[in-house]
Amino acid sequence: MDQNLTIFNLISELSGIINSSLSIGTVFRIMVSEIRKLVGYDRASLLLFNEADNNMLIFALDTEMNTVMKKGVKAPVEGTSAGWVIMNNEPWINYDLRDLRFPLDKKLFDEGLRSTISVPLYHDKVLGVFNLDSTRPFRYSEEDLRILLPAAKHISIALENALLFQEISREKKEWERTFDSITDMVWIEDIRQRVIRANQTLLKKAGLSSVEISGKRCWEIFYRIGINTQECACSETVASRRQSFMELKGMMGQICHFWAYPLTDEEGRLYAVVHYLKDVSDQKRLEQQLIRSDRLASLGTLVAGIAHEINNPLGIIAGYSEALLDRAKDKKLLGTAEFEDFPEYLETIHNEIFRCKDILNSLLDFARPSGGIYREIDINELIKEVILLVNHRAKRLDHNIQLSLNRDLPRIYADPGSLRQVFMNIIMNSMYFTPGKGRIVIRSSRSNGIQGKKYLENVSSITVSVADSGAGIPEENIDKIFDPFFTTKPVGEGTGLGLSICHKIVEDHNGSIDVISEEGKGTTFSIRLPARSGHD
C-alpha cells in the first residue's frame, strides 16, 4: 500500500512538471530527481528519436560517471536495446550486460555498466526512450517497470509539449529572421491602424527602435522616411478587406511603391494589415533611361535620313536666294516701285534657309555617332576652357559663375570636343533660365559607380554638377527635358535638341546625366563619368 502511495505521489509530481515547464531540460532534471527516490541508477539518459535519420540523440544525461556517450552524441537504432524499445514500443531490461543480446550495447559494458532498464516514450507517435543504467548486474526488475511505465506516460506528455513549444519557438525565430532580412520596408498594423511590428530595414530608415515605433500610425512612419502624406495609405484595404496599391513620391524626389495586405481570421474578420514599401527610384530611372535610349536610337536613324534629304533642296534654294540677292542690287530694279520690298523678302528667305540648315546640322549632330578622338583628359582643365568661352556672356547678363573644383581627381578617357559641347550647352541653358545677377556653381568631385549601369557599379568615377539659382523646372517637365524637340524656349530660340545631344554624348561615354529641380529654387545637372585610362 505504501509503495502504491509513493507511485501515486510520483505521478502527481510529474503531472505538476507537465503543467509548470515547457523546457525539456527542466522536465528531465526534475523527473530524474523524483524517480531516484524510488529507482536507483548510476546513469540516467533521455534519447530523442529522429525518424528521418533513423537514429537517437542523447538529449539529456545525469551521471557522475566518466562517459564518452555525452549529451549531443547520436546513437544507432539497429543493434541497441534502446533502439529495440523504440522500434517495438515496449520496455526492455538488460539484467546482465555480460549476456549481450544487442551487439552495440557493448559500449555500455565497456564503460562499466552491468544492467539497464529502458521504457519507451510514446504519445500519438514514438518520441524517444528513457534509460536507467547501473554498474551492478541484476539491478532492475519487473517491479521497477511497475513504477517507470505509468511515469513514462506523463513524461511523454511533458516531452511532447516541450518539443512542440521548441518547434514553435524555432519557427518563430525563423519567421523573425526572415521578416528582418527583407531589404524593403515591412510593418504590420492592428485593426486600430497602429504599428505592432516593423522589420529592421524600416527601423533603420525611420531611425526608431522597435519600442519607439510601436503604436505609431502609418502617416507618421511615412513622414519619418521622407514621404509627406496625411492620409492613411491602407484605408482602402481596411474598408474592402482586399489588397491595395499606391505609388508615392517622396520629399526628395524618390518614388516608392506601397502595398497593403489584409490579414483575416477563419471567419473573415480583419485583425491586422501588412504594409510593404519598396523604393523604386533607381528602377524607374533605369526604365526611363532605357525608354529614352530606345526612343533616341530610333529617332536618330529617322532624322539622319530626313536631314540628308532636306539638306540637298535647301542647298539649291540657298544658292538661288544668293543669286537673287545679288541681282536685287541692280539699280534699275531698285528704282522700280513694285520691287522696293523684294530685297527685304529675299534677305528674310536667305536667313531662314540658313536657320533651317543650322537646325539640320543639330539633327545630324544628334543622329551621327561620335567621331571624336578619345584621349586622357583632365576634367577640371576642360571646365576652365568652357568658362573662358562663356564668361563674356555671363558678364553681359550680370551672372556670377563660381567654381568649386576638386584638384585631386583621376583623369578620364573621353572625347574632349564632345564633352566641351555638353558643358557649354548646360551652362548656357543655366544662364538663359537664370535671371540677371544670378549664381551658377560648377563643382567637380570624386564618386563611385555609374547610376543605372550595373557593370560600372564598382568603377571609380567623377561627377561634375552645374547648379543655378534660376526659375527651376516644373515637376511635369522633369521627365521630358532630354526628349528630342522638347523645349520651353519661345519659338525660334530653341530646337529642343541641346539636352538630347548632351544625353547622347554622356551615354556614349558610359556615363549618366541626372537633374534635380524645384520651381523657384533653381536646377542642378549632374554628369557622372567613369575614371578610366585608355588601357582599361
Protein backbone atom coordinates (compact mmCIF):
# COMPACT_ATOMS: atom_id res chain seq x y z
CA MET A 1 0.00 0.00 0.00
CA ASP A 2 2.88 2.33 0.88
CA GLN A 3 4.51 1.53 -2.46
CA ASN A 4 1.30 2.42 -4.36
CA LEU A 5 1.05 5.69 -2.47
CA THR A 6 4.64 6.50 -3.34
CA ILE A 7 3.96 5.80 -7.02
CA PHE A 8 0.85 7.96 -6.82
CA ASN A 9 2.87 10.80 -5.35
CA LEU A 10 5.48 10.40 -8.09
CA ILE A 11 2.79 10.63 -10.78
CA SER A 12 1.36 13.73 -9.10
CA GLU A 13 4.81 15.35 -9.09
CA LEU A 14 5.29 14.55 -12.79
CA SER A 15 1.84 15.99 -13.60
CA GLY A 16 2.94 19.20 -11.91
CA ILE A 17 6.07 19.24 -14.05
CA ILE A 18 3.97 18.97 -17.19
CA ASN A 19 1.91 21.99 -16.18
CA SER A 20 4.80 24.14 -14.96
CA SER A 21 7.55 23.82 -17.59
CA LEU A 22 7.98 23.69 -21.34
CA SER A 23 11.74 23.10 -21.20
CA ILE A 24 12.85 19.54 -21.94
CA GLY A 25 15.97 20.03 -19.82
CA THR A 26 13.96 21.22 -16.83
CA VAL A 27 11.47 18.35 -17.22
CA PHE A 28 14.34 15.82 -17.28
CA ARG A 29 16.15 17.23 -14.23
CA ILE A 30 13.04 17.28 -12.02
CA MET A 31 11.88 13.92 -13.37
CA VAL A 32 15.11 12.01 -12.53
CA SER A 33 15.25 13.72 -9.16
CA GLU A 34 11.80 12.30 -8.29
CA ILE A 35 12.39 8.86 -9.86
CA ARG A 36 15.67 8.42 -7.98
CA LYS A 37 13.68 8.33 -4.75
CA LEU A 38 12.19 5.00 -5.92
CA VAL A 39 14.60 3.57 -8.51
CA GLY A 40 18.33 4.00 -8.15
CA TYR A 41 20.77 4.49 -11.04
CA ASP A 42 24.34 5.40 -11.87
CA ARG A 43 23.42 6.90 -15.20
CA ALA A 44 20.07 8.27 -16.49
CA SER A 45 19.57 9.42 -20.05
CA LEU A 46 16.83 10.75 -22.33
CA LEU A 47 17.20 9.83 -26.02
CA LEU A 48 15.08 11.55 -28.71
CA PHE A 49 14.15 9.54 -31.79
CA ASN A 50 14.95 11.10 -35.18
CA GLU A 51 12.72 9.27 -37.63
CA ALA A 52 14.18 10.98 -40.72
CA ASP A 53 17.76 9.84 -39.95
CA ASN A 54 16.71 6.67 -38.07
CA ASN A 55 18.93 7.41 -35.10
CA MET A 56 18.69 8.56 -31.47
CA LEU A 57 20.10 11.75 -29.97
CA ILE A 58 21.31 11.78 -26.34
CA PHE A 59 19.39 14.91 -25.37
CA ALA A 60 19.78 14.85 -21.58
CA LEU A 61 22.11 12.99 -19.21
CA ASP A 62 22.50 12.68 -15.45
CA THR A 63 25.59 10.85 -14.24
CA GLU A 64 28.83 11.28 -12.35
CA MET A 65 30.50 8.61 -14.47
CA ASN A 66 33.21 9.44 -16.97
CA THR A 67 31.44 8.59 -20.23
CA VAL A 68 32.05 9.12 -23.94
CA MET A 69 28.32 8.89 -24.62
CA LYS A 70 27.67 12.52 -23.69
CA LYS A 71 24.81 14.86 -24.43
CA GLY A 72 24.58 15.55 -28.18
CA VAL A 73 26.02 12.17 -29.25
CA LYS A 74 23.94 10.22 -31.79
CA ALA A 75 23.29 6.52 -31.28
CA PRO A 76 22.10 3.98 -33.87
CA VAL A 77 18.70 2.29 -33.60
CA GLU A 78 19.78 -1.05 -35.01
CA GLY A 79 21.86 -3.21 -32.67
CA THR A 80 20.97 -1.41 -29.41
CA SER A 81 18.47 -2.26 -26.68
CA ALA A 82 17.25 1.40 -26.62
CA GLY A 83 16.65 1.15 -30.37
CA TRP A 84 14.68 -2.07 -29.91
CA VAL A 85 12.45 -0.31 -27.34
CA ILE A 86 11.73 2.49 -29.81
CA MET A 87 11.02 0.12 -32.74
CA ASN A 88 8.72 -2.16 -30.68
CA ASN A 89 7.25 0.42 -28.27
CA GLU A 90 7.89 -1.98 -25.40
CA PRO A 91 10.17 -1.76 -22.34
CA TRP A 92 13.38 -3.76 -22.03
CA ILE A 93 15.54 -4.89 -19.13
CA ASN A 94 19.19 -5.88 -19.55
CA TYR A 95 19.64 -7.93 -16.37
CA ASP A 96 23.32 -8.59 -17.05
CA LEU A 97 25.20 -6.93 -19.92
CA ARG A 98 27.67 -9.83 -19.99
CA ASP A 99 24.88 -11.61 -21.84
CA LEU A 100 24.88 -9.28 -24.87
CA ARG A 101 21.58 -9.58 -26.73
CA PHE A 102 22.35 -6.41 -28.70
CA PRO A 103 25.92 -6.16 -30.05
CA LEU A 104 26.21 -2.36 -29.86
CA ASP A 105 25.34 -2.40 -26.14
CA LYS A 106 28.98 -3.43 -25.66
CA LYS A 107 29.76 0.31 -25.43
CA LEU A 108 27.71 0.39 -22.24
CA PHE A 109 29.54 -2.66 -20.92
CA ASP A 110 32.95 -1.13 -21.75
CA GLU A 111 32.03 1.94 -19.69
CA GLY A 112 31.40 -0.26 -16.63
CA LEU A 113 27.62 -0.59 -16.82
CA ARG A 114 26.19 -4.01 -15.99
CA SER A 115 22.40 -3.64 -16.13
CA THR A 116 19.91 -1.27 -17.80
CA ILE A 117 16.18 -0.62 -17.95
CA SER A 118 14.60 1.24 -20.87
CA VAL A 119 10.99 2.45 -21.31
CA PRO A 120 9.51 3.91 -24.48
CA LEU A 121 8.22 7.50 -24.57
CA TYR A 122 5.15 7.47 -26.75
CA HIS A 123 2.26 9.90 -27.26
CA ASP A 124 0.49 9.59 -30.63
CA LYS A 125 3.95 8.76 -32.02
CA VAL A 126 7.31 7.45 -30.80
CA LEU A 127 9.19 10.30 -29.14
CA GLY A 128 12.21 8.56 -27.65
CA VAL A 129 13.37 6.35 -24.81
CA PHE A 130 14.15 6.87 -21.13
CA ASN A 131 17.05 4.80 -19.74
CA LEU A 132 18.34 4.00 -16.27
CA ASP A 133 21.76 2.29 -16.08
CA SER A 134 23.58 0.69 -13.16
CA THR A 135 27.10 -0.62 -12.56
CA ARG A 136 25.54 -3.59 -10.69
CA PRO A 137 24.17 -6.61 -12.56
CA PHE A 138 20.55 -7.60 -11.92
CA ARG A 139 19.86 -4.12 -10.52
CA TYR A 140 16.48 -3.77 -12.28
CA SER A 141 13.35 -5.93 -12.21
CA GLU A 142 9.72 -6.07 -13.31
CA GLU A 143 8.84 -4.25 -10.09
CA ASP A 144 10.80 -1.23 -11.36
CA LEU A 145 8.76 -1.28 -14.59
CA ARG A 146 5.63 -1.03 -12.43
CA ILE A 147 6.98 2.36 -11.29
CA LEU A 148 8.50 3.59 -14.57
CA LEU A 149 5.75 2.71 -17.08
CA PRO A 150 3.00 4.96 -15.64
CA ALA A 151 5.61 7.66 -15.09
CA ALA A 152 6.68 7.31 -18.75
CA LYS A 153 3.17 8.21 -19.92
CA HIS A 154 3.32 11.53 -18.10
CA ILE A 155 6.91 12.09 -19.17
CA SER A 156 5.81 11.54 -22.78
CA ILE A 157 3.11 14.21 -22.49
CA ALA A 158 5.59 16.66 -20.96
CA LEU A 159 8.14 15.77 -23.63
CA GLU A 160 5.67 16.26 -26.50
CA ASN A 161 4.59 19.63 -25.09
CA ALA A 162 8.22 20.70 -24.72
CA LEU A 163 9.11 19.53 -28.24
CA LEU A 164 6.08 21.32 -29.66
CA PHE A 165 6.99 24.50 -27.81
CA GLN A 166 10.59 24.17 -29.01
CA GLU A 167 9.38 23.76 -32.62
CA ILE A 168 7.08 26.78 -32.32
CA SER A 169 9.92 28.84 -30.80
CA ARG A 170 12.25 27.78 -33.63
CA GLU A 171 9.67 28.65 -36.28
CA LYS A 172 9.01 31.99 -34.56
CA LYS A 173 12.72 32.85 -34.60
CA GLU A 174 12.98 31.73 -38.22
CA TRP A 175 9.99 33.91 -39.11
CA GLU A 176 11.54 36.87 -37.27
CA ARG A 177 14.88 36.38 -39.07
CA THR A 178 13.08 36.18 -42.42
CA PHE A 179 10.99 39.26 -41.58
CA ASP A 180 14.07 41.25 -40.58
CA SER A 181 16.15 40.08 -43.55
CA ILE A 182 13.72 41.62 -46.09
CA THR A 183 15.58 44.57 -47.62
CA ASP A 184 12.38 46.51 -48.33
CA MET A 185 10.37 48.22 -45.58
CA VAL A 186 7.70 45.99 -44.00
CA TRP A 187 5.48 46.60 -41.00
CA ILE A 188 2.25 45.25 -39.51
CA GLU A 189 -0.61 47.31 -38.08
CA ASP A 190 -3.52 46.19 -35.94
CA ILE A 191 -7.19 46.97 -36.67
CA ARG A 192 -6.76 50.36 -34.97
CA GLN A 193 -4.11 51.05 -37.62
CA ARG A 194 -1.30 51.23 -35.09
CA VAL A 195 2.11 49.65 -35.73
CA ILE A 196 2.64 46.40 -33.82
CA ARG A 197 5.80 45.21 -35.57
CA ALA A 198 8.36 46.56 -38.07
CA ASN A 199 11.35 44.95 -39.77
CA GLN A 200 14.94 46.12 -39.31
CA THR A 201 15.03 47.89 -42.70
CA LEU A 202 12.19 50.19 -41.69
CA LEU A 203 13.59 50.76 -38.19
CA LYS A 204 16.93 51.89 -39.65
CA LYS A 205 15.27 54.05 -42.30
CA ALA A 206 12.96 55.70 -39.77
CA GLY A 207 15.65 55.99 -37.08
CA LEU A 208 13.44 54.35 -34.47
CA SER A 209 13.73 51.37 -32.15
CA SER A 210 11.13 48.58 -32.09
CA VAL A 211 9.74 50.08 -28.87
CA GLU A 212 9.57 53.64 -30.27
CA ILE A 213 7.81 52.61 -33.48
CA SER A 214 5.15 50.56 -31.68
CA GLY A 215 1.76 52.31 -31.69
CA LYS A 216 2.58 54.84 -34.42
CA ARG A 217 0.29 55.43 -37.40
CA CYS A 218 1.44 54.82 -40.99
CA TRP A 219 1.43 58.52 -41.94
CA GLU A 220 3.88 59.11 -39.07
CA ILE A 221 6.11 56.35 -40.48
CA PHE A 222 5.93 57.85 -43.97
CA TYR A 223 6.94 61.27 -42.66
CA ARG A 224 9.94 59.76 -40.84
CA ILE A 225 11.22 58.23 -44.09
CA GLY A 226 10.63 61.35 -46.22
CA ILE A 227 7.12 60.84 -47.64
CA ASN A 228 4.67 63.56 -46.74
CA THR A 229 1.14 62.18 -46.69
CA GLN A 230 -1.57 62.99 -44.18
CA GLU A 231 -3.86 60.17 -45.23
CA CYS A 232 -3.67 56.53 -44.17
CA ALA A 233 -2.38 54.59 -47.16
CA CYS A 234 -4.04 51.36 -46.01
CA SER A 235 -7.57 52.77 -45.55
CA GLU A 236 -8.77 51.12 -48.78
CA THR A 237 -7.57 47.71 -47.56
CA VAL A 238 -9.20 48.20 -44.16
CA ALA A 239 -12.51 49.14 -45.81
CA SER A 240 -12.55 46.48 -48.57
CA ARG A 241 -10.53 43.65 -46.91
CA ARG A 242 -8.58 43.48 -50.19
CA GLN A 243 -5.02 44.15 -51.28
CA SER A 244 -4.38 47.75 -52.35
CA PHE A 245 -1.54 49.56 -54.15
CA MET A 246 -0.30 53.15 -54.30
CA GLU A 247 2.64 54.94 -55.92
CA LEU A 248 4.08 57.50 -53.51
CA LYS A 249 6.54 60.30 -54.18
CA GLY A 250 8.99 61.38 -51.51
CA MET A 251 10.01 64.85 -50.47
CA MET A 252 13.46 64.30 -52.03
CA GLY A 253 12.02 63.05 -55.33
CA GLN A 254 12.21 59.33 -54.55
CA ILE A 255 9.45 57.10 -55.91
CA CYS A 256 8.04 54.28 -53.77
CA HIS A 257 5.54 51.51 -54.43
CA PHE A 258 3.28 50.70 -51.48
CA TRP A 259 1.14 47.60 -50.99
CA ALA A 260 -1.25 46.81 -48.14
CA TYR A 261 -2.33 43.21 -47.49
CA PRO A 262 -5.21 42.26 -45.16
CA LEU A 263 -4.78 39.54 -42.53
CA THR A 264 -8.09 37.84 -41.69
CA ASP A 265 -9.08 35.00 -39.37
CA GLU A 266 -11.05 31.86 -40.26
CA GLU A 267 -14.28 33.80 -40.13
CA GLY A 268 -13.06 36.51 -42.47
CA ARG A 269 -12.61 39.16 -39.77
CA LEU A 270 -9.73 41.58 -40.26
CA TYR A 271 -7.23 41.54 -37.40
CA ALA A 272 -4.14 43.17 -38.96
CA VAL A 273 -2.73 44.73 -42.14
CA VAL A 274 0.71 44.06 -43.63
CA HIS A 275 2.39 47.14 -45.16
CA TYR A 276 5.09 46.71 -47.81
CA LEU A 277 7.04 49.75 -49.08
CA LYS A 278 9.65 49.49 -51.83
CA ASP A 279 11.84 52.33 -53.09
CA VAL A 280 11.75 52.00 -56.89
CA SER A 281 13.56 55.27 -57.72
CA ASP A 282 16.54 53.53 -59.34
CA GLN A 283 14.28 51.11 -61.19
CA LYS A 284 12.12 53.99 -62.50
CA ARG A 285 15.20 55.95 -63.51
CA LEU A 286 16.62 52.94 -65.35
CA GLU A 287 13.28 52.33 -67.11
CA GLN A 288 13.17 55.96 -68.23
CA GLN A 289 16.76 55.78 -69.46
CA LEU A 290 16.04 52.60 -71.42
CA ILE A 291 12.88 54.09 -72.94
CA ARG A 292 14.70 57.31 -73.77
CA SER A 293 17.71 55.48 -75.25
CA ASP A 294 15.44 53.31 -77.39
CA ARG A 295 13.43 56.36 -78.50
CA LEU A 296 16.59 58.33 -79.27
CA ALA A 297 18.13 55.45 -81.23
CA SER A 298 15.01 55.11 -83.41
CA LEU A 299 14.70 58.85 -83.83
CA GLY A 300 18.39 59.19 -84.67
CA THR A 301 18.05 56.83 -87.62
CA LEU A 302 14.96 58.70 -88.82
CA VAL A 303 16.31 62.25 -88.53
CA ALA A 304 19.62 61.35 -90.18
CA GLY A 305 17.80 60.28 -93.32
CA ILE A 306 15.41 63.25 -93.26
CA ALA A 307 18.23 65.75 -92.63
CA HIS A 308 20.24 64.50 -95.58
CA GLU A 309 17.19 64.55 -97.86
CA ILE A 310 16.20 68.10 -96.85
CA ASN A 311 19.77 69.43 -96.96
CA ASN A 312 20.01 68.90 -100.72
CA PRO A 313 16.97 71.03 -101.78
CA LEU A 314 17.87 73.59 -99.11
CA GLY A 315 21.31 73.93 -100.67
CA ILE A 316 19.75 74.56 -104.05
CA ILE A 317 17.29 77.11 -102.59
CA ALA A 318 20.16 78.84 -100.74
CA GLY A 319 22.13 79.08 -103.97
CA TYR A 320 19.21 80.64 -105.86
CA SER A 321 18.45 83.04 -102.97
CA GLU A 322 22.07 84.26 -103.02
CA ALA A 323 21.85 84.78 -106.81
CA LEU A 324 18.58 86.70 -106.44
CA LEU A 325 20.09 88.85 -103.66
CA ASP A 326 23.00 89.75 -105.95
CA ARG A 327 20.58 90.57 -108.80
CA ALA A 328 18.42 92.65 -106.42
CA LYS A 329 21.33 95.08 -106.12
CA ASP A 330 20.69 96.21 -109.71
CA LYS A 331 19.99 99.95 -109.65
CA LYS A 332 17.28 99.70 -112.31
CA LEU A 333 15.35 97.18 -110.23
CA LEU A 334 15.84 99.18 -107.05
CA GLY A 335 14.30 102.16 -108.83
CA THR A 336 11.13 100.21 -109.56
CA ALA A 337 8.37 100.85 -107.02
CA GLU A 338 6.96 97.33 -107.31
CA PHE A 339 10.41 95.91 -106.43
CA GLU A 340 11.22 98.01 -103.37
CA ASP A 341 10.27 95.31 -100.79
CA PHE A 342 11.86 92.39 -102.73
CA PRO A 343 15.37 92.78 -101.19
CA GLU A 344 13.86 92.56 -97.66
CA TYR A 345 11.84 89.46 -98.56
CA LEU A 346 14.86 87.82 -100.19
CA GLU A 347 17.05 88.61 -97.16
CA THR A 348 14.44 87.00 -94.87
CA ILE A 349 14.23 83.92 -97.11
CA HIS A 350 18.01 83.68 -97.17
CA ASN A 351 18.31 83.96 -93.37
CA GLU A 352 15.56 81.42 -92.73
CA ILE A 353 17.21 78.95 -95.10
CA PHE A 354 20.39 79.10 -93.07
CA ARG A 355 18.39 78.80 -89.83
CA CYS A 356 16.93 75.61 -91.28
CA LYS A 357 20.43 74.42 -92.13
CA ASP A 358 21.54 75.08 -88.53
CA ILE A 359 18.62 73.02 -87.24
CA LEU A 360 19.52 70.22 -89.68
CA ASN A 361 23.14 70.33 -88.51
CA SER A 362 21.86 69.95 -84.91
CA LEU A 363 19.79 66.97 -86.04
CA LEU A 364 22.85 65.42 -87.66
CA ASP A 365 24.93 66.07 -84.52
CA PHE A 366 22.23 64.27 -82.58
CA ALA A 367 21.96 61.36 -85.01
CA ARG A 368 25.50 60.66 -86.10
CA PRO A 369 27.86 58.58 -83.94
CA SER A 370 30.62 60.45 -82.18
CA GLY A 371 33.56 60.83 -84.50
CA GLY A 372 35.85 62.49 -81.97
CA ILE A 373 39.20 61.24 -80.75
CA TYR A 374 39.20 59.77 -77.25
CA ARG A 375 42.16 60.52 -75.02
CA GLU A 376 43.01 61.01 -71.37
CA ILE A 377 41.92 64.44 -70.18
CA ASP A 378 41.79 66.49 -67.00
CA ILE A 379 38.11 67.32 -66.49
CA ASN A 380 38.95 70.43 -64.44
CA GLU A 381 41.02 71.92 -67.26
CA LEU A 382 38.22 71.22 -69.75
CA ILE A 383 35.70 73.01 -67.49
CA LYS A 384 38.01 76.04 -67.24
CA GLU A 385 38.23 76.16 -71.05
CA VAL A 386 34.44 76.22 -71.28
CA ILE A 387 34.23 79.00 -68.67
CA LEU A 388 36.58 81.15 -70.79
CA LEU A 389 34.18 80.75 -73.73
CA VAL A 390 31.03 81.70 -71.75
CA ASN A 391 32.48 84.36 -69.47
CA HIS A 392 31.73 87.24 -71.85
CA ARG A 393 28.03 86.28 -71.97
CA ALA A 394 27.93 85.75 -68.20
CA LYS A 395 29.28 89.26 -67.59
CA ARG A 396 26.78 90.76 -70.05
CA LEU A 397 23.90 89.04 -68.15
CA ASP A 398 25.48 90.01 -64.80
CA HIS A 399 25.77 86.35 -63.72
CA ASN A 400 28.20 85.14 -61.10
CA ILE A 401 29.92 81.86 -62.08
CA GLN A 402 31.60 80.09 -59.15
CA LEU A 403 34.00 77.17 -59.47
CA SER A 404 34.48 74.53 -56.77
CA LEU A 405 36.81 72.01 -58.39
CA ASN A 406 38.43 69.08 -56.62
CA ARG A 407 42.10 69.15 -57.61
CA ASP A 408 42.65 65.52 -56.64
CA LEU A 409 40.62 63.90 -59.42
CA PRO A 410 41.63 60.98 -61.64
CA ARG A 411 41.87 61.67 -65.37
CA ILE A 412 39.15 60.36 -67.65
CA TYR A 413 39.26 58.79 -71.09
CA ALA A 414 36.96 60.87 -73.28
CA ASP A 415 36.39 62.95 -76.43
CA PRO A 416 37.18 66.49 -75.22
CA GLY A 417 35.27 68.15 -78.09
CA SER A 418 32.06 66.30 -77.28
CA LEU A 419 32.30 66.94 -73.53
CA ARG A 420 33.05 70.61 -74.20
CA GLN A 421 29.77 70.72 -76.14
CA VAL A 422 27.94 69.10 -73.18
CA PHE A 423 29.17 71.58 -70.56
CA MET A 424 28.78 74.54 -72.90
CA ASN A 425 25.17 73.59 -73.61
CA ILE A 426 24.23 73.05 -69.96
CA ILE A 427 25.93 76.23 -68.71
CA MET A 428 24.34 78.31 -71.50
CA ASN A 429 20.95 76.81 -70.59
CA SER A 430 21.51 77.74 -66.93
CA MET A 431 22.34 81.32 -67.90
CA TYR A 432 19.27 81.54 -70.15
CA PHE A 433 16.84 80.44 -67.43
CA THR A 434 18.54 82.35 -64.58
CA PRO A 435 17.53 86.00 -64.10
CA GLY A 436 20.20 88.73 -64.02
CA LYS A 437 22.62 88.75 -61.07
CA GLY A 438 22.00 85.02 -60.68
CA ARG A 439 24.53 82.47 -59.43
CA ILE A 440 25.84 79.39 -61.26
CA VAL A 441 28.05 76.97 -59.26
CA ILE A 442 30.12 74.34 -61.05
CA ARG A 443 31.58 71.58 -58.89
CA SER A 444 33.74 68.55 -59.63
CA SER A 445 34.16 65.66 -57.21
CA ARG A 446 35.20 62.05 -56.92
CA SER A 447 32.41 59.43 -56.85
CA ASN A 448 31.83 55.68 -57.10
CA GLY A 449 29.95 53.80 -59.80
CA ILE A 450 27.66 54.98 -62.58
CA GLN A 451 23.96 55.09 -61.72
CA GLY A 452 21.81 52.79 -63.84
CA LYS A 453 24.81 50.78 -65.16
CA LYS A 454 25.36 47.66 -63.07
CA TYR A 455 28.55 46.68 -64.90
CA LEU A 456 30.10 50.00 -63.79
CA GLU A 457 28.84 49.95 -60.19
CA ASN A 458 32.33 49.42 -58.74
CA VAL A 459 34.21 51.67 -61.17
CA SER A 460 35.78 54.85 -59.81
CA SER A 461 34.09 57.87 -61.34
CA ILE A 462 33.98 61.68 -61.31
CA THR A 463 30.91 63.90 -61.03
CA VAL A 464 30.50 67.40 -62.43
CA SER A 465 27.45 69.36 -61.26
CA VAL A 466 26.09 72.63 -62.65
CA ALA A 467 23.72 74.30 -60.18
CA ASP A 468 21.90 77.56 -60.90
CA SER A 469 19.61 79.87 -58.93
CA GLY A 470 17.15 80.15 -61.81
CA ALA A 471 13.44 79.59 -62.21
CA GLY A 472 13.65 75.81 -61.93
CA ILE A 473 11.81 73.19 -63.99
CA PRO A 474 8.12 72.41 -63.41
CA GLU A 475 7.64 68.91 -61.99
CA GLU A 476 5.60 67.79 -65.00
CA ASN A 477 8.51 68.67 -67.35
CA ILE A 478 11.37 66.97 -65.46
CA ASP A 479 10.94 63.66 -67.29
CA LYS A 480 10.74 65.37 -70.70
CA ILE A 481 13.78 67.64 -70.78
CA PHE A 482 16.03 65.08 -72.50
CA ASP A 483 13.39 64.25 -75.12
CA PRO A 484 14.21 65.49 -78.65
CA PHE A 485 12.38 68.67 -79.72
CA PHE A 486 11.07 69.37 -76.22
CA THR A 487 11.76 72.99 -75.28
CA THR A 488 10.22 75.71 -73.14
CA LYS A 489 12.03 78.47 -75.01
CA PRO A 490 9.99 80.76 -77.30
CA VAL A 491 9.54 79.75 -80.95
CA GLY A 492 12.68 80.49 -82.91
CA GLU A 493 15.01 80.47 -79.85
CA GLY A 494 15.46 76.75 -79.32
CA THR A 495 15.24 73.49 -81.26
CA GLY A 496 14.77 71.23 -78.24
CA LEU A 497 17.82 69.18 -79.26
CA GLY A 498 20.53 70.60 -76.99
CA LEU A 499 19.90 68.44 -73.92
CA SER A 500 19.10 65.40 -76.09
CA ILE A 501 22.53 65.75 -77.70
CA CYS A 502 24.12 66.15 -74.24
CA HIS A 503 22.35 62.99 -73.03
CA LYS A 504 23.56 61.04 -76.07
CA ILE A 505 27.18 62.21 -75.68
CA VAL A 506 27.24 61.30 -71.97
CA GLU A 507 25.70 57.89 -72.78
CA ASP A 508 28.39 57.35 -75.47
CA HIS A 509 30.95 57.94 -72.72
CA ASN A 510 29.33 55.26 -70.50
CA GLY A 511 28.25 57.99 -68.12
CA SER A 512 24.97 59.23 -66.66
CA ILE A 513 23.26 62.62 -66.54
CA ASP A 514 20.62 63.49 -63.94
CA VAL A 515 18.69 66.59 -63.00
CA ILE A 516 17.19 67.82 -59.72
CA SER A 517 14.99 70.89 -59.84
CA GLU A 518 12.32 72.75 -57.94
CA GLU A 519 10.32 75.66 -59.28
CA GLY A 520 11.61 78.94 -57.94
CA LYS A 521 14.68 77.32 -56.34
CA GLY A 522 16.91 76.50 -59.29
CA THR A 523 18.18 73.44 -61.13
CA THR A 524 21.19 71.14 -60.74
CA PHE A 525 22.53 68.95 -63.56
CA SER A 526 24.91 66.16 -62.51
CA ILE A 527 27.13 64.44 -65.06
CA ARG A 528 28.91 61.32 -63.87
CA LEU A 529 31.71 59.81 -65.98
CA PRO A 530 33.89 56.72 -65.40
CA ALA A 531 37.50 57.44 -64.50
CA ARG A 532 39.30 55.03 -66.78
CA SER A 533 42.55 55.05 -68.72
CA GLY A 534 42.82 54.10 -72.35
CA HIS A 535 44.29 50.73 -71.29
CA ASP A 536 41.16 49.64 -69.37
